[in-house]
Amino acid sequence: MNLNRVMVTPEAEAMLRKLQQIHGDLMFHQSGGCCDGSSPMCYPRQEFKVGQQDVYLGSIADTPFYISGPQYEYWKHTRLLIDLVKGRGSGFSVESPEGYRFLTRSEVFSDEEWRALEAQGEPLRGPQM
């Protein structure tokens, strides 16, 4: 049973590996803003300050993934899948100059997966890097 809260497509993972060679260690933050603010943003790890209410969902391709606390409450019943599509977002995410942007897709956990996640407890909040 896959209990990962966040996963990555092969295309997005390949882009992450390329970006790691350029920028070093990276991290993701999924906020709850509108428009591009709701896109997953990828930053050099030391250039984004994780807040105490941000929720650590796990790592993809050696890259920690956080979501804002309020956004987590909306999406906690779903597994996030980070994908890559052509086009440029208007944020400061490091993939933008490459002509691509990361995109969050989601799927609802099955009842069995949700019971197993509940037994594990809530994910950690605040800095985990």
Protein backbone atom coordinates (compact mmCIF):
# COMPACT_ATOMS: atom_id res chain seq x y z
CA MET A 1 0.00 0.00 0.00
CA ASN A 2 1.37 3.41 -0.98
CA LEU A 3 1.06 5.82 1.93
CA ASN A 4 3.12 8.63 0.44
CA ARG A 5 1.31 11.95 0.71
CA VAL A 6 3.31 13.41 -2.20
CA MET A 7 4.73 11.74 -5.30
CA VAL A 8 6.43 12.89 -8.50
CA THR A 9 6.08 11.95 -12.16
CA PRO A 10 9.20 10.77 -14.02
CA GLU A 11 9.20 14.00 -16.07
CA ALA A 12 9.03 16.22 -12.99
CA GLU A 13 11.73 14.15 -11.29
CA ALA A 14 14.04 14.54 -14.30
CA MET A 15 13.53 18.32 -14.19
CA LEU A 16 14.22 18.35 -10.45
CA ARG A 17 17.50 16.48 -10.99
CA LYS A 18 18.51 19.00 -13.67
CA LEU A 19 17.59 21.92 -11.42
CA GLN A 20 19.54 20.42 -8.51
CA GLN A 21 22.66 20.46 -10.68
CA ILE A 22 22.10 24.16 -11.38
CA HIS A 23 20.83 25.41 -7.99
CA GLY A 24 21.92 22.82 -5.42
CA ASP A 25 19.50 21.59 -2.76
CA LEU A 26 15.88 22.52 -3.45
CA MET A 27 12.54 22.49 -1.64
CA PHE A 28 8.86 22.79 -2.61
CA HIS A 29 6.13 24.87 -1.04
CA GLN A 30 2.46 24.56 -1.97
CA SER A 31 0.54 27.61 -0.82
CA GLY A 32 -3.15 28.28 -0.98
CA GLY A 33 -3.12 31.45 -3.04
CA CYS A 34 -5.00 32.02 -6.24
CA CYS A 35 -3.62 31.69 -9.77
CA ASP A 36 0.09 30.81 -9.69
CA GLY A 37 -0.01 31.05 -5.90
CA SER A 38 -1.75 27.67 -5.94
CA SER A 39 1.04 26.07 -7.99
CA PRO A 40 3.83 24.15 -6.29
CA MET A 41 6.82 26.47 -6.06
CA CYS A 42 10.36 25.12 -6.12
CA TYR A 43 13.09 27.19 -4.48
CA PRO A 44 16.73 26.83 -3.51
CA ARG A 45 16.42 25.27 -0.06
CA GLN A 46 17.98 28.12 1.90
CA GLU A 47 16.00 30.86 0.12
CA PHE A 48 12.54 30.06 1.53
CA LYS A 49 11.68 30.21 5.21
CA VAL A 50 9.28 27.46 6.25
CA GLY A 51 6.70 28.67 8.76
CA GLN A 52 5.56 26.94 11.93
CA GLN A 53 2.14 26.18 10.37
CA ASP A 54 3.57 24.70 7.16
CA VAL A 55 3.12 20.94 6.94
CA TYR A 56 5.92 18.63 5.79
CA LEU A 57 4.38 16.03 3.45
CA GLY A 58 7.56 14.16 2.56
CA SER A 59 10.31 14.33 -0.04
CA ILE A 60 10.34 13.77 -3.77
CA ALA A 61 13.66 13.31 -5.57
CA ASP A 62 15.55 14.34 -2.41
CA THR A 63 13.47 17.53 -2.28
CA PRO A 64 11.38 18.29 0.85
CA PHE A 65 7.76 19.20 0.10
CA TYR A 66 5.73 21.53 2.33
CA ILE A 67 2.17 22.76 2.12
CA SER A 68 0.64 25.68 4.01
CA GLY A 69 -1.38 24.63 7.06
CA PRO A 70 -4.74 25.93 5.79
CA GLN A 71 -4.17 24.34 2.37
CA TYR A 72 -3.27 21.03 4.02
CA GLU A 73 -6.65 21.03 5.79
CA TYR A 74 -8.38 21.18 2.39
CA TRP A 75 -6.15 18.57 0.75
CA LYS A 76 -5.25 16.19 3.58
CA HIS A 77 -7.50 13.47 2.15
CA THR A 78 -5.57 13.49 -1.12
CA ARG A 79 -2.22 12.30 -2.40
CA LEU A 80 -0.44 15.03 -4.35
CA LEU A 81 1.30 14.14 -7.60
CA ILE A 82 3.80 16.73 -8.81
CA ASP A 83 3.90 16.83 -12.60
CA LEU A 84 5.67 18.98 -15.19
CA VAL A 85 4.01 20.80 -18.09
CA LYS A 86 5.25 23.17 -20.78
CA GLY A 87 4.64 26.83 -20.15
CA ARG A 88 5.85 29.43 -17.72
CA GLY A 89 4.28 30.32 -14.44
CA SER A 90 4.61 33.86 -13.19
CA GLY A 91 6.20 33.02 -9.84
CA PHE A 92 9.79 32.70 -8.68
CA SER A 93 9.89 28.91 -9.01
CA VAL A 94 13.27 27.80 -10.37
CA GLU A 95 11.89 25.78 -13.29
CA SER A 96 10.28 28.83 -14.91
CA PRO A 97 13.34 29.90 -16.98
CA GLU A 98 13.43 26.38 -18.45
CA GLY A 99 10.05 26.96 -20.15
CA TYR A 100 8.19 24.53 -17.87
CA ARG A 101 6.21 24.68 -14.69
CA PHE A 102 5.40 22.20 -11.97
CA LEU A 103 1.75 21.32 -11.54
CA THR A 104 -0.05 19.59 -8.66
CA ARG A 105 -2.48 16.81 -9.48
CA SER A 106 -4.31 14.96 -6.72
CA GLU A 107 -6.17 11.76 -6.00
CA VAL A 108 -8.31 10.97 -2.97
CA PHE A 109 -6.91 8.31 -0.65
CA SER A 110 -8.90 5.09 -0.51
CA ASP A 111 -10.72 4.33 2.74
CA GLU A 112 -8.07 1.74 3.58
CA GLU A 113 -5.21 4.17 2.89
CA TRP A 114 -6.92 6.89 4.94
CA ARG A 115 -7.35 4.58 7.95
CA ALA A 116 -3.64 3.67 7.74
CA LEU A 117 -2.66 7.36 7.51
CA GLU A 118 -4.86 8.23 10.48
CA ALA A 119 -3.13 5.49 12.49
CA GLN A 120 0.24 7.11 11.70
CA GLY A 121 -0.94 10.49 12.98
CA GLU A 122 -0.75 13.93 11.44
CA PRO A 123 2.35 14.95 9.49
CA LEU A 124 4.85 17.25 11.18
CA ARG A 125 4.49 21.02 11.08
CA GLY A 126 7.29 23.54 10.80
CA PRO A 127 10.88 23.22 9.55
CA GLN A 128 12.16 19.67 8.98
CA MET A 129 15.06 20.34 6.59
